[in-house]
Amino acid sequence: KEELKVDLSVLFTNRHAPLLRKDCEEYREIWNEALHSMDCFVMEGGRNFVKLPAEEHGHFYSESCYVFLCQYWLPLSDFTDDLLDQYLILEKKNSGGMKDVPPEEGGGEDGEEEEEDEEEARVCRVYFWQGRDSSKMSWPQFSLSSFRAQIKEKLGSQMPIEEVRCFQQQESLKFLSYFRGRFIVHKGKRTQSEVKPRLYQIRQNGNILAQRCVEIGCTSVLLNSGFCYILKVPVQSEAQVSYMLYVWIGSKSSDDLEKAAIEIGRESFVDCVSPVILYEGNSEPPIFWDALGGRKNYDTNADWLDIIRLFRCSNEKGYFAVTEEFKWPDF
């Protein structure tokens, strides 16, 4: 009887070191330099796609879906077979016209080196972001929509197009880098009007490229000394509702998390007054605990972050294999 092939070798390897902040910042700059433009649209009513206002850039809702048209420069050697086929067809069709030329990166005295630079072309990557609580029909509706047809017709006549479907909190590091750490995921619908306290957790999942600010249940039980949080508290007045913002810094959180939480609080929650910075155990006012349903016991240790590993088991290679995932989704 033939012995079944199984690959479990990764289970016996050491844990990979996380990316250094310097390396993450370098990747972020490289990806954003290549980005030519990004247009954002939100799906409404299952059919309509509305241009997202600039002040909502980087804000996502779990019951909504978004489309991002990202144009960027890509070396021909990095083209997939499908992109290359589209590129060759467009080149043949437009051979009599002017060729799209990437921006120059500066002059140089050595002309021979410039001639040897790898040829690049502009590509449009269409990201379809699907919220965790959105309708499962959202992707089919987008696929059959007139909006997608317009994208194919207008942009497809100018450059190759590829489509990427991404799910909430499973985004690629490249996509996340376009928001420069200001990636906020709210619960519910974009047009929700319910006034209530909201609690957000700052997550980095191994490196700053994966940084997100995610809304969680508004209860003190979910606090952890190893993380930082943002609490948005409504304050009712006679004429309108205003919001207080508290940035809670866990006593065992990293400097990167603390810096990120304060920056997000100051720059991304524009409908709130200037945030109040709270350090665990020292300065929480009663209104903070009241908004969280009262002070309760919560985890004060997050040492598991230093040892946790995520493995994926599959048969996609034709045999059972275990591989390690370095881009952690939030289950």
C-alpha atoms as a PDB file:
ATOM      1  CA  LYS A   1       0.000   0.000   0.000  1.00  0.00           C
ATOM      2  CA  GLU A   2       1.366   3.428  -1.018  1.00  0.00           C
ATOM      3  CA  GLU A   3       2.288   5.615   1.922  1.00  0.00           C
ATOM      4  CA  LEU A   4       0.481   8.961   2.083  1.00  0.00           C
ATOM      5  CA  LYS A   5       2.722  12.029   1.936  1.00  0.00           C
ATOM      6  CA  VAL A   6       2.456  14.377   4.907  1.00  0.00           C
ATOM      7  CA  ASP A   7       4.458  17.543   5.573  1.00  0.00           C
ATOM      8  CA  LEU A   8       4.523  18.635   9.222  1.00  0.00           C
ATOM      9  CA  SER A   9       8.061  20.050   9.227  1.00  0.00           C
ATOM     10  CA  VAL A  10       7.018  23.640   9.981  1.00  0.00           C
ATOM     11  CA  LEU A  11       5.684  22.519  13.381  1.00  0.00           C
ATOM     12  CA  PHE A  12       9.250  21.791  14.471  1.00  0.00           C
ATOM     13  CA  THR A  13      10.822  25.074  13.361  1.00  0.00           C
ATOM     14  CA  ASN A  14      11.468  28.108  15.538  1.00  0.00           C
ATOM     15  CA  ARG A  15       9.068  31.027  15.609  1.00  0.00           C
ATOM     16  CA  HIS A  16       9.974  33.730  13.104  1.00  0.00           C
ATOM     17  CA  ALA A  17      10.973  37.096  14.503  1.00  0.00           C
ATOM     18  CA  PRO A  18       8.434  39.884  13.809  1.00  0.00           C
ATOM     19  CA  LEU A  19       9.270  42.558  11.268  1.00  0.00           C
ATOM     20  CA  LEU A  20      11.201  45.479  12.713  1.00  0.00           C
ATOM     21  CA  ARG A  21       9.518  48.877  12.718  1.00  0.00           C
ATOM     22  CA  LYS A  22      12.215  50.224  10.374  1.00  0.00           C
ATOM     23  CA  ASP A  23      11.533  47.473   7.831  1.00  0.00           C
ATOM     24  CA  CYS A  24       7.769  47.992   8.086  1.00  0.00           C
ATOM     25  CA  GLU A  25       8.127  51.721   7.440  1.00  0.00           C
ATOM     26  CA  GLU A  26      10.347  50.990   4.446  1.00  0.00           C
ATOM     27  CA  TYR A  27       7.780  48.595   2.943  1.00  0.00           C
ATOM     28  CA  ARG A  28       5.015  51.132   3.553  1.00  0.00           C
ATOM     29  CA  GLU A  29       6.927  53.890   1.776  1.00  0.00           C
ATOM     30  CA  ILE A  30       7.792  51.674  -1.202  1.00  0.00           C
ATOM     31  CA  TRP A  31       4.176  50.590  -1.679  1.00  0.00           C
ATOM     32  CA  ASN A  32       2.818  54.132  -1.310  1.00  0.00           C
ATOM     33  CA  GLU A  33       5.391  55.584  -3.703  1.00  0.00           C
ATOM     34  CA  ALA A  34       4.226  53.116  -6.354  1.00  0.00           C
ATOM     35  CA  LEU A  35       0.580  54.061  -5.720  1.00  0.00           C
ATOM     36  CA  HIS A  36      -0.520  56.574  -8.361  1.00  0.00           C
ATOM     37  CA  SER A  37      -4.085  57.159  -7.140  1.00  0.00           C
ATOM     38  CA  MET A  38      -6.818  55.568  -5.039  1.00  0.00           C
ATOM     39  CA  ASP A  39     -10.550  56.233  -5.501  1.00  0.00           C
ATOM     40  CA  CYS A  40     -12.928  54.940  -2.831  1.00  0.00           C
ATOM     41  CA  PHE A  41     -16.598  53.964  -3.185  1.00  0.00           C
ATOM     42  CA  VAL A  42     -19.134  52.494  -0.761  1.00  0.00           C
ATOM     43  CA  MET A  43     -21.899  50.092  -1.730  1.00  0.00           C
ATOM     44  CA  GLU A  44     -25.395  51.270  -0.842  1.00  0.00           C
ATOM     45  CA  GLY A  45     -28.640  49.372  -1.250  1.00  0.00           C
ATOM     46  CA  GLY A  46     -26.896  46.431  -2.898  1.00  0.00           C
ATOM     47  CA  ARG A  47     -26.649  48.186  -6.262  1.00  0.00           C
ATOM     48  CA  ASN A  48     -25.444  51.767  -5.980  1.00  0.00           C
ATOM     49  CA  PHE A  49     -21.821  52.764  -5.446  1.00  0.00           C
ATOM     50  CA  VAL A  50     -21.278  56.190  -3.932  1.00  0.00           C
ATOM     51  CA  LYS A  51     -18.009  58.122  -3.790  1.00  0.00           C
ATOM     52  CA  LEU A  52     -16.711  57.995  -0.227  1.00  0.00           C
ATOM     53  CA  PRO A  53     -16.254  61.454   1.363  1.00  0.00           C
ATOM     54  CA  ALA A  54     -12.645  62.313   2.150  1.00  0.00           C
ATOM     55  CA  GLU A  55     -13.346  62.507   5.899  1.00  0.00           C
ATOM     56  CA  GLU A  56     -14.469  58.846   5.868  1.00  0.00           C
ATOM     57  CA  HIS A  57     -11.311  57.579   4.239  1.00  0.00           C
ATOM     58  CA  GLY A  58      -9.972  54.768   6.420  1.00  0.00           C
ATOM     59  CA  HIS A  59     -13.296  54.184   8.196  1.00  0.00           C
ATOM     60  CA  PHE A  60     -15.053  50.871   7.502  1.00  0.00           C
ATOM     61  CA  TYR A  61     -18.324  49.380   8.756  1.00  0.00           C
ATOM     62  CA  SER A  62     -18.871  45.671   9.308  1.00  0.00           C
ATOM     63  CA  GLU A  63     -22.248  45.642   7.503  1.00  0.00           C
ATOM     64  CA  SER A  64     -20.980  47.567   4.472  1.00  0.00           C
ATOM     65  CA  CYS A  65     -18.852  46.853   1.406  1.00  0.00           C
ATOM     66  CA  TYR A  66     -16.331  49.123  -0.300  1.00  0.00           C
ATOM     67  CA  VAL A  67     -14.578  49.311  -3.657  1.00  0.00           C
ATOM     68  CA  PHE A  68     -11.113  50.833  -4.051  1.00  0.00           C
ATOM     69  CA  LEU A  69      -9.664  51.628  -7.470  1.00  0.00           C
ATOM     70  CA  CYS A  70      -5.904  51.630  -6.906  1.00  0.00           C
ATOM     71  CA  GLN A  71      -3.681  52.618  -9.808  1.00  0.00           C
ATOM     72  CA  TYR A  72       0.019  51.926  -9.383  1.00  0.00           C
ATOM     73  CA  TRP A  73       3.221  51.285 -11.301  1.00  0.00           C
ATOM     74  CA  LEU A  74       4.339  47.682 -11.596  1.00  0.00           C
ATOM     75  CA  PRO A  75       7.424  46.155 -13.310  1.00  0.00           C
ATOM     76  CA  LEU A  76       6.435  43.919 -16.205  1.00  0.00           C
ATOM     77  CA  SER A  77       8.326  41.058 -14.575  1.00  0.00           C
ATOM     78  CA  ASP A  78       5.801  41.166 -11.696  1.00  0.00           C
ATOM     79  CA  PHE A  79       2.775  40.891 -13.991  1.00  0.00           C
ATOM     80  CA  THR A  80       0.583  37.833 -13.645  1.00  0.00           C
ATOM     81  CA  ASP A  81      -0.217  35.940 -16.853  1.00  0.00           C
ATOM     82  CA  ASP A  82      -3.632  37.623 -17.009  1.00  0.00           C
ATOM     83  CA  LEU A  83      -2.173  41.138 -16.537  1.00  0.00           C
ATOM     84  CA  LEU A  84       0.471  40.485 -19.146  1.00  0.00           C
ATOM     85  CA  ASP A  85      -2.146  39.291 -21.658  1.00  0.00           C
ATOM     86  CA  GLN A  86      -4.182  42.456 -21.064  1.00  0.00           C
ATOM     87  CA  TYR A  87      -1.061  44.606 -21.383  1.00  0.00           C
ATOM     88  CA  LEU A  88      -0.042  43.059 -24.721  1.00  0.00           C
ATOM     89  CA  ILE A  89      -3.548  43.481 -26.113  1.00  0.00           C
ATOM     90  CA  LEU A  90      -3.610  47.157 -25.097  1.00  0.00           C
ATOM     91  CA  GLU A  91      -0.129  47.735 -26.505  1.00  0.00           C
ATOM     92  CA  LYS A  92      -1.180  46.278 -29.828  1.00  0.00           C
ATOM     93  CA  LYS A  93      -4.383  48.317 -29.882  1.00  0.00           C
ATOM     94  CA  ASN A  94      -2.658  51.574 -28.926  1.00  0.00           C
ATOM     95  CA  SER A  95       0.561  51.076 -30.875  1.00  0.00           C
ATOM     96  CA  GLY A  96      -0.162  54.136 -32.960  1.00  0.00           C
ATOM     97  CA  GLY A  97      -0.687  56.398 -29.932  1.00  0.00           C
ATOM     98  CA  MET A  98       1.440  57.822 -27.172  1.00  0.00           C
ATOM     99  CA  LYS A  99       2.729  55.365 -24.629  1.00  0.00           C
ATOM    100  CA  ASP A 100       1.997  55.866 -20.944  1.00  0.00           C
ATOM    101  CA  VAL A 101       5.323  56.708 -19.283  1.00  0.00           C
ATOM    102  CA  PRO A 102       5.976  56.302 -15.535  1.00  0.00           C
ATOM    103  CA  PRO A 103       7.208  59.346 -13.612  1.00  0.00           C
ATOM    104  CA  GLU A 104      10.959  59.885 -13.640  1.00  0.00           C
ATOM    105  CA  GLU A 105      12.773  59.236 -10.381  1.00  0.00           C
ATOM    106  CA  GLY A 106      15.511  61.739 -11.024  1.00  0.00           C
ATOM    107  CA  GLY A 107      18.201  62.215 -13.582  1.00  0.00           C
ATOM    108  CA  GLY A 108      21.518  60.471 -13.787  1.00  0.00           C
ATOM    109  CA  GLU A 109      24.763  60.888 -15.649  1.00  0.00           C
ATOM    110  CA  ASP A 110      25.016  57.226 -16.462  1.00  0.00           C
ATOM    111  CA  GLY A 111      22.663  56.897 -19.430  1.00  0.00           C
ATOM    112  CA  GLU A 112      23.430  53.246 -19.880  1.00  0.00           C
ATOM    113  CA  GLU A 113      22.081  52.376 -16.420  1.00  0.00           C
ATOM    114  CA  GLU A 114      18.847  54.249 -17.156  1.00  0.00           C
ATOM    115  CA  GLU A 115      18.365  52.276 -20.360  1.00  0.00           C
ATOM    116  CA  GLU A 116      18.722  49.059 -18.418  1.00  0.00           C
ATOM    117  CA  ASP A 117      15.986  49.995 -15.920  1.00  0.00           C
ATOM    118  CA  GLU A 118      13.155  47.503 -15.978  1.00  0.00           C
ATOM    119  CA  GLU A 119      10.095  48.593 -17.918  1.00  0.00           C
ATOM    120  CA  GLU A 120       7.018  49.454 -15.864  1.00  0.00           C
ATOM    121  CA  ALA A 121       3.366  49.912 -16.701  1.00  0.00           C
ATOM    122  CA  ARG A 122       0.380  51.295 -14.849  1.00  0.00           C
ATOM    123  CA  VAL A 123      -2.112  48.774 -13.460  1.00  0.00           C
ATOM    124  CA  CYS A 124      -5.472  49.199 -11.756  1.00  0.00           C
ATOM    125  CA  ARG A 125      -6.158  46.860  -8.875  1.00  0.00           C
ATOM    126  CA  VAL A 126      -9.821  46.802  -7.847  1.00  0.00           C
ATOM    127  CA  TYR A 127     -10.157  45.902  -4.174  1.00  0.00           C
ATOM    128  CA  PHE A 128     -13.588  44.756  -3.041  1.00  0.00           C
ATOM    129  CA  TRP A 129     -13.653  44.972   0.771  1.00  0.00           C
ATOM    130  CA  GLN A 130     -16.439  42.988   2.395  1.00  0.00           C
ATOM    131  CA  GLY A 131     -17.516  43.600   5.981  1.00  0.00           C
ATOM    132  CA  ARG A 132     -17.919  40.588   8.255  1.00  0.00           C
ATOM    133  CA  ASP A 133     -21.630  41.273   8.837  1.00  0.00           C
ATOM    134  CA  SER A 134     -22.513  42.328   5.283  1.00  0.00           C
ATOM    135  CA  SER A 135     -24.778  40.358   2.948  1.00  0.00           C
ATOM    136  CA  LYS A 136     -23.246  37.271   1.347  1.00  0.00           C
ATOM    137  CA  MET A 137     -24.790  38.462  -1.905  1.00  0.00           C
ATOM    138  CA  SER A 138     -22.631  41.597  -1.968  1.00  0.00           C
ATOM    139  CA  TRP A 139     -19.876  40.110  -4.122  1.00  0.00           C
ATOM    140  CA  PRO A 140     -22.273  38.617  -6.742  1.00  0.00           C
ATOM    141  CA  GLN A 141     -24.149  41.920  -6.833  1.00  0.00           C
ATOM    142  CA  PHE A 142     -20.917  43.800  -7.477  1.00  0.00           C
ATOM    143  CA  SER A 143     -19.852  41.270 -10.131  1.00  0.00           C
ATOM    144  CA  LEU A 144     -23.097  41.829 -12.054  1.00  0.00           C
ATOM    145  CA  SER A 145     -23.340  45.578 -11.454  1.00  0.00           C
ATOM    146  CA  SER A 146     -23.179  48.330 -14.049  1.00  0.00           C
ATOM    147  CA  PHE A 147     -20.506  49.970 -11.862  1.00  0.00           C
ATOM    148  CA  ARG A 148     -18.115  47.072 -12.463  1.00  0.00           C
ATOM    149  CA  ALA A 149     -18.934  47.185 -16.180  1.00  0.00           C
ATOM    150  CA  GLN A 150     -18.060  50.896 -16.243  1.00  0.00           C
ATOM    151  CA  ILE A 151     -14.729  50.191 -14.558  1.00  0.00           C
ATOM    152  CA  LYS A 152     -13.926  47.556 -17.163  1.00  0.00           C
ATOM    153  CA  GLU A 153     -14.970  49.847 -19.999  1.00  0.00           C
ATOM    154  CA  LYS A 154     -13.271  53.080 -18.899  1.00  0.00           C
ATOM    155  CA  LEU A 155     -10.146  51.916 -17.105  1.00  0.00           C
ATOM    156  CA  GLY A 156      -9.815  48.645 -18.977  1.00  0.00           C
ATOM    157  CA  SER A 157      -9.214  50.563 -22.200  1.00  0.00           C
ATOM    158  CA  GLN A 158      -6.255  52.367 -20.605  1.00  0.00           C
ATOM    159  CA  MET A 159      -4.486  49.801 -18.423  1.00  0.00           C
ATOM    160  CA  PRO A 160      -4.644  46.186 -17.245  1.00  0.00           C
ATOM    161  CA  ILE A 161      -7.104  45.502 -14.417  1.00  0.00           C
ATOM    162  CA  GLU A 162      -7.092  42.889 -11.678  1.00  0.00           C
ATOM    163  CA  GLU A 163      -9.724  42.314  -9.016  1.00  0.00           C
ATOM    164  CA  VAL A 164      -9.019  41.376  -5.416  1.00  0.00           C
ATOM    165  CA  ARG A 165     -11.732  40.347  -2.983  1.00  0.00           C
ATOM    166  CA  CYS A 166     -10.721  40.896   0.628  1.00  0.00           C
ATOM    167  CA  PHE A 167     -12.618  40.212   3.816  1.00  0.00           C
ATOM    168  CA  GLN A 168     -12.732  42.229   7.013  1.00  0.00           C
ATOM    169  CA  GLN A 169      -9.562  41.792   9.096  1.00  0.00           C
ATOM    170  CA  GLN A 170      -7.979  39.509   6.509  1.00  0.00           C
ATOM    171  CA  GLU A 171      -6.583  42.313   4.345  1.00  0.00           C
ATOM    172  CA  SER A 172      -3.126  42.117   2.778  1.00  0.00           C
ATOM    173  CA  LEU A 173      -0.315  44.170   4.290  1.00  0.00           C
ATOM    174  CA  LYS A 174      -0.002  46.082   1.017  1.00  0.00           C
ATOM    175  CA  PHE A 175      -3.651  47.174   1.138  1.00  0.00           C
ATOM    176  CA  LEU A 176      -3.354  48.142   4.813  1.00  0.00           C
ATOM    177  CA  SER A 177      -0.240  50.191   4.075  1.00  0.00           C
ATOM    178  CA  TYR A 178      -2.260  52.585   1.889  1.00  0.00           C
ATOM    179  CA  PHE A 179      -4.029  53.844   5.048  1.00  0.00           C
ATOM    180  CA  ARG A 180      -0.792  54.431   6.985  1.00  0.00           C
ATOM    181  CA  GLY A 181      -2.076  52.900  10.209  1.00  0.00           C
ATOM    182  CA  ARG A 182      -5.432  54.725  10.147  1.00  0.00           C
ATOM    183  CA  PHE A 183      -7.630  51.685   9.489  1.00  0.00           C
ATOM    184  CA  ILE A 184     -10.747  51.840  11.691  1.00  0.00           C
ATOM    185  CA  VAL A 185     -13.433  49.144  11.626  1.00  0.00           C
ATOM    186  CA  HIS A 186     -16.803  50.054  13.172  1.00  0.00           C
ATOM    187  CA  LYS A 187     -19.629  47.672  13.974  1.00  0.00           C
ATOM    188  CA  GLY A 188     -22.910  48.051  12.098  1.00  0.00           C
ATOM    189  CA  LYS A 189     -23.973  50.139   9.127  1.00  0.00           C
ATOM    190  CA  ARG A 190     -22.372  53.278   7.783  1.00  0.00           C
ATOM    191  CA  THR A 191     -25.671  55.179   8.127  1.00  0.00           C
ATOM    192  CA  GLN A 192     -26.396  54.017  11.686  1.00  0.00           C
ATOM    193  CA  SER A 193     -27.811  56.636  14.021  1.00  0.00           C
ATOM    194  CA  GLU A 194     -27.819  54.793  17.369  1.00  0.00           C
ATOM    195  CA  VAL A 195     -26.163  56.869  20.072  1.00  0.00           C
ATOM    196  CA  LYS A 196     -24.225  54.704  22.540  1.00  0.00           C
ATOM    197  CA  PRO A 197     -20.697  54.263  23.924  1.00  0.00           C
ATOM    198  CA  ARG A 198     -18.267  52.449  21.603  1.00  0.00           C
ATOM    199  CA  LEU A 199     -15.018  50.706  22.508  1.00  0.00           C
ATOM    200  CA  TYR A 200     -12.143  50.165  20.046  1.00  0.00           C
ATOM    201  CA  GLN A 201      -9.029  48.041  20.417  1.00  0.00           C
ATOM    202  CA  ILE A 202      -5.720  48.858  18.721  1.00  0.00           C
ATOM    203  CA  ARG A 203      -4.228  45.732  17.132  1.00  0.00           C
ATOM    204  CA  GLN A 204      -0.954  45.227  15.310  1.00  0.00           C
ATOM    205  CA  ASN A 205      -0.843  41.432  14.902  1.00  0.00           C
ATOM    206  CA  GLY A 206       2.924  41.110  14.800  1.00  0.00           C
ATOM    207  CA  ASN A 207       3.952  44.383  13.089  1.00  0.00           C
ATOM    208  CA  ILE A 208       2.802  47.951  12.496  1.00  0.00           C
ATOM    209  CA  LEU A 209       1.834  47.216   8.877  1.00  0.00           C
ATOM    210  CA  ALA A 210      -1.078  45.117  10.175  1.00  0.00           C
ATOM    211  CA  GLN A 211      -2.299  47.884  12.479  1.00  0.00           C
ATOM    212  CA  ARG A 212      -6.064  48.227  12.836  1.00  0.00           C
ATOM    213  CA  CYS A 213      -8.445  49.966  15.224  1.00  0.00           C
ATOM    214  CA  VAL A 214     -11.367  47.552  15.658  1.00  0.00           C
ATOM    215  CA  GLU A 215     -14.627  48.114  17.517  1.00  0.00           C
ATOM    216  CA  ILE A 216     -15.347  45.413  20.117  1.00  0.00           C
ATOM    217  CA  GLY A 217     -18.025  44.876  22.743  1.00  0.00           C
ATOM    218  CA  CYS A 218     -18.353  47.857  25.061  1.00  0.00           C
ATOM    219  CA  THR A 219     -17.527  46.171  28.367  1.00  0.00           C
ATOM    220  CA  SER A 220     -14.583  46.417  30.741  1.00  0.00           C
ATOM    221  CA  VAL A 221     -14.248  42.606  30.697  1.00  0.00           C
ATOM    222  CA  LEU A 222     -12.626  42.889  27.244  1.00  0.00           C
ATOM    223  CA  LEU A 223      -9.832  45.205  28.408  1.00  0.00           C
ATOM    224  CA  ASN A 224      -6.299  43.798  28.590  1.00  0.00           C
ATOM    225  CA  SER A 225      -3.226  45.437  30.090  1.00  0.00           C
ATOM    226  CA  GLY A 226      -1.195  44.442  27.044  1.00  0.00           C
ATOM    227  CA  PHE A 227      -3.258  46.579  24.629  1.00  0.00           C
ATOM    228  CA  CYS A 228      -4.512  50.127  24.126  1.00  0.00           C
ATOM    229  CA  TYR A 229      -8.146  51.127  23.639  1.00  0.00           C
ATOM    230  CA  ILE A 230     -10.242  54.067  22.508  1.00  0.00           C
ATOM    231  CA  LEU A 231     -13.583  54.735  24.201  1.00  0.00           C
ATOM    232  CA  LYS A 232     -16.097  57.035  22.518  1.00  0.00           C
ATOM    233  CA  VAL A 233     -18.728  58.286  24.976  1.00  0.00           C
ATOM    234  CA  PRO A 234     -21.803  60.304  23.890  1.00  0.00           C
ATOM    235  CA  VAL A 235     -22.720  63.337  25.995  1.00  0.00           C
ATOM    236  CA  GLN A 236     -26.306  64.472  25.572  1.00  0.00           C
ATOM    237  CA  SER A 237     -27.052  68.173  25.718  1.00  0.00           C
ATOM    238  CA  GLU A 238     -30.266  70.085  25.064  1.00  0.00           C
ATOM    239  CA  ALA A 239     -29.654  70.705  21.388  1.00  0.00           C
ATOM    240  CA  GLN A 240     -27.244  68.020  20.206  1.00  0.00           C
ATOM    241  CA  VAL A 241     -25.051  65.065  21.031  1.00  0.00           C
ATOM    242  CA  SER A 242     -21.322  65.542  21.471  1.00  0.00           C
ATOM    243  CA  TYR A 243     -18.687  62.897  22.141  1.00  0.00           C
ATOM    244  CA  MET A 244     -15.926  62.520  24.684  1.00  0.00           C
ATOM    245  CA  LEU A 245     -12.960  60.404  23.633  1.00  0.00           C
ATOM    246  CA  TYR A 246     -10.750  58.475  26.029  1.00  0.00           C
ATOM    247  CA  VAL A 247      -7.514  56.738  25.004  1.00  0.00           C
ATOM    248  CA  TRP A 248      -6.739  54.014  27.552  1.00  0.00           C
ATOM    249  CA  ILE A 249      -3.099  52.868  27.678  1.00  0.00           C
ATOM    250  CA  GLY A 250      -2.561  49.390  29.136  1.00  0.00           C
ATOM    251  CA  SER A 251       0.269  49.194  31.680  1.00  0.00           C
ATOM    252  CA  LYS A 252       1.985  46.407  29.682  1.00  0.00           C
ATOM    253  CA  SER A 253       1.334  47.732  26.178  1.00  0.00           C
ATOM    254  CA  SER A 254       4.217  48.518  23.844  1.00  0.00           C
ATOM    255  CA  ASP A 255       5.434  52.004  22.949  1.00  0.00           C
ATOM    256  CA  ASP A 256       4.272  51.429  19.364  1.00  0.00           C
ATOM    257  CA  LEU A 257       0.728  50.668  20.509  1.00  0.00           C
ATOM    258  CA  GLU A 258       0.641  53.693  22.799  1.00  0.00           C
ATOM    259  CA  LYS A 259       1.852  55.996  20.053  1.00  0.00           C
ATOM    260  CA  ALA A 260      -0.633  54.542  17.549  1.00  0.00           C
ATOM    261  CA  ALA A 261      -3.598  54.831  19.938  1.00  0.00           C
ATOM    262  CA  ILE A 262      -2.890  58.495  20.722  1.00  0.00           C
ATOM    263  CA  GLU A 263      -2.380  59.399  17.046  1.00  0.00           C
ATOM    264  CA  ILE A 264      -5.567  57.620  15.935  1.00  0.00           C
ATOM    265  CA  GLY A 265      -7.545  59.263  18.727  1.00  0.00           C
ATOM    266  CA  ARG A 266      -6.336  62.717  17.719  1.00  0.00           C
ATOM    267  CA  GLU A 267      -6.551  62.359  13.939  1.00  0.00           C
ATOM    268  CA  SER A 268      -9.286  59.847  13.048  1.00  0.00           C
ATOM    269  CA  PHE A 269     -12.185  60.642  15.402  1.00  0.00           C
ATOM    270  CA  VAL A 270     -12.876  64.144  14.168  1.00  0.00           C
ATOM    271  CA  ASP A 271     -16.433  64.221  15.577  1.00  0.00           C
ATOM    272  CA  CYS A 272     -15.072  64.095  19.132  1.00  0.00           C
ATOM    273  CA  VAL A 273     -13.422  66.642  21.378  1.00  0.00           C
ATOM    274  CA  SER A 274      -9.673  66.326  21.906  1.00  0.00           C
ATOM    275  CA  PRO A 275      -8.979  62.898  23.454  1.00  0.00           C
ATOM    276  CA  VAL A 276      -8.229  62.403  27.129  1.00  0.00           C
ATOM    277  CA  ILE A 277      -5.222  60.118  27.655  1.00  0.00           C
ATOM    278  CA  LEU A 278      -5.693  57.626  30.508  1.00  0.00           C
ATOM    279  CA  TYR A 279      -3.006  55.333  31.878  1.00  0.00           C
ATOM    280  CA  GLU A 280      -4.221  52.106  33.439  1.00  0.00           C
ATOM    281  CA  GLY A 281      -4.805  52.241  37.155  1.00  0.00           C
ATOM    282  CA  ASN A 282      -3.985  55.913  37.588  1.00  0.00           C
ATOM    283  CA  SER A 283      -6.526  58.280  36.151  1.00  0.00           C
ATOM    284  CA  GLU A 284      -9.754  56.610  34.969  1.00  0.00           C
ATOM    285  CA  PRO A 285     -12.721  58.842  35.888  1.00  0.00           C
ATOM    286  CA  PRO A 286     -16.102  57.347  36.910  1.00  0.00           C
ATOM    287  CA  ILE A 287     -17.644  58.214  33.512  1.00  0.00           C
ATOM    288  CA  PHE A 288     -15.095  55.910  31.857  1.00  0.00           C
ATOM    289  CA  TRP A 289     -16.152  52.863  33.886  1.00  0.00           C
ATOM    290  CA  ASP A 290     -19.840  53.772  33.703  1.00  0.00           C
ATOM    291  CA  ALA A 291     -19.677  53.779  29.885  1.00  0.00           C
ATOM    292  CA  LEU A 292     -18.181  50.274  30.040  1.00  0.00           C
ATOM    293  CA  GLY A 293     -20.973  48.940  32.245  1.00  0.00           C
ATOM    294  CA  GLY A 294     -18.987  49.222  35.459  1.00  0.00           C
ATOM    295  CA  ARG A 295     -15.499  48.199  36.473  1.00  0.00           C
ATOM    296  CA  LYS A 296     -15.004  44.427  36.250  1.00  0.00           C
ATOM    297  CA  ASN A 297     -12.078  42.032  36.308  1.00  0.00           C
ATOM    298  CA  TYR A 298     -10.112  41.860  33.058  1.00  0.00           C
ATOM    299  CA  ASP A 299      -6.909  40.206  31.820  1.00  0.00           C
ATOM    300  CA  THR A 300      -3.738  41.894  32.995  1.00  0.00           C
ATOM    301  CA  ASN A 301      -1.334  39.679  31.061  1.00  0.00           C
ATOM    302  CA  ALA A 302      -0.738  39.349  27.310  1.00  0.00           C
ATOM    303  CA  ASP A 303       2.451  37.260  27.329  1.00  0.00           C
ATOM    304  CA  TRP A 304       0.816  34.897  24.848  1.00  0.00           C
ATOM    305  CA  LEU A 305       1.526  37.503  22.154  1.00  0.00           C
ATOM    306  CA  ASP A 306       5.223  36.587  22.333  1.00  0.00           C
ATOM    307  CA  ILE A 307       4.701  32.881  21.721  1.00  0.00           C
ATOM    308  CA  ILE A 308       1.518  32.583  19.667  1.00  0.00           C
ATOM    309  CA  ARG A 309       1.757  30.996  16.202  1.00  0.00           C
ATOM    310  CA  LEU A 310      -0.917  30.352  13.589  1.00  0.00           C
ATOM    311  CA  PHE A 311      -0.788  27.279  11.328  1.00  0.00           C
ATOM    312  CA  ARG A 312      -2.892  26.349   8.323  1.00  0.00           C
ATOM    313  CA  CYS A 313      -3.680  22.752   7.396  1.00  0.00           C
ATOM    314  CA  SER A 314      -4.688  21.942   3.820  1.00  0.00           C
ATOM    315  CA  ASN A 315      -4.558  19.423   0.968  1.00  0.00           C
ATOM    316  CA  GLU A 316      -4.181  22.021  -1.778  1.00  0.00           C
ATOM    317  CA  LYS A 317      -0.709  20.706  -2.730  1.00  0.00           C
ATOM    318  CA  GLY A 318      -2.092  17.252  -3.335  1.00  0.00           C
ATOM    319  CA  TYR A 319      -1.080  16.028   0.091  1.00  0.00           C
ATOM    320  CA  PHE A 320      -1.667  17.013   3.710  1.00  0.00           C
ATOM    321  CA  ALA A 321       0.615  19.916   4.645  1.00  0.00           C
ATOM    322  CA  VAL A 322       0.902  22.399   7.483  1.00  0.00           C
ATOM    323  CA  THR A 323       2.103  25.933   6.754  1.00  0.00           C
ATOM    324  CA  GLU A 324       2.569  28.914   9.035  1.00  0.00           C
ATOM    325  CA  GLU A 325       0.515  32.053   8.546  1.00  0.00           C
ATOM    326  CA  PHE A 326       2.296  35.317   9.246  1.00  0.00           C
ATOM    327  CA  LYS A 327      -0.639  37.589   8.391  1.00  0.00           C
ATOM    328  CA  TRP A 328      -3.006  36.773  11.225  1.00  0.00           C
ATOM    329  CA  PRO A 329      -6.706  37.200  10.588  1.00  0.00           C
ATOM    330  CA  ASP A 330      -8.894  38.217  13.524  1.00  0.00           C
ATOM    331  CA  PHE A 331     -11.348  35.382  13.957  1.00  0.00           C
END
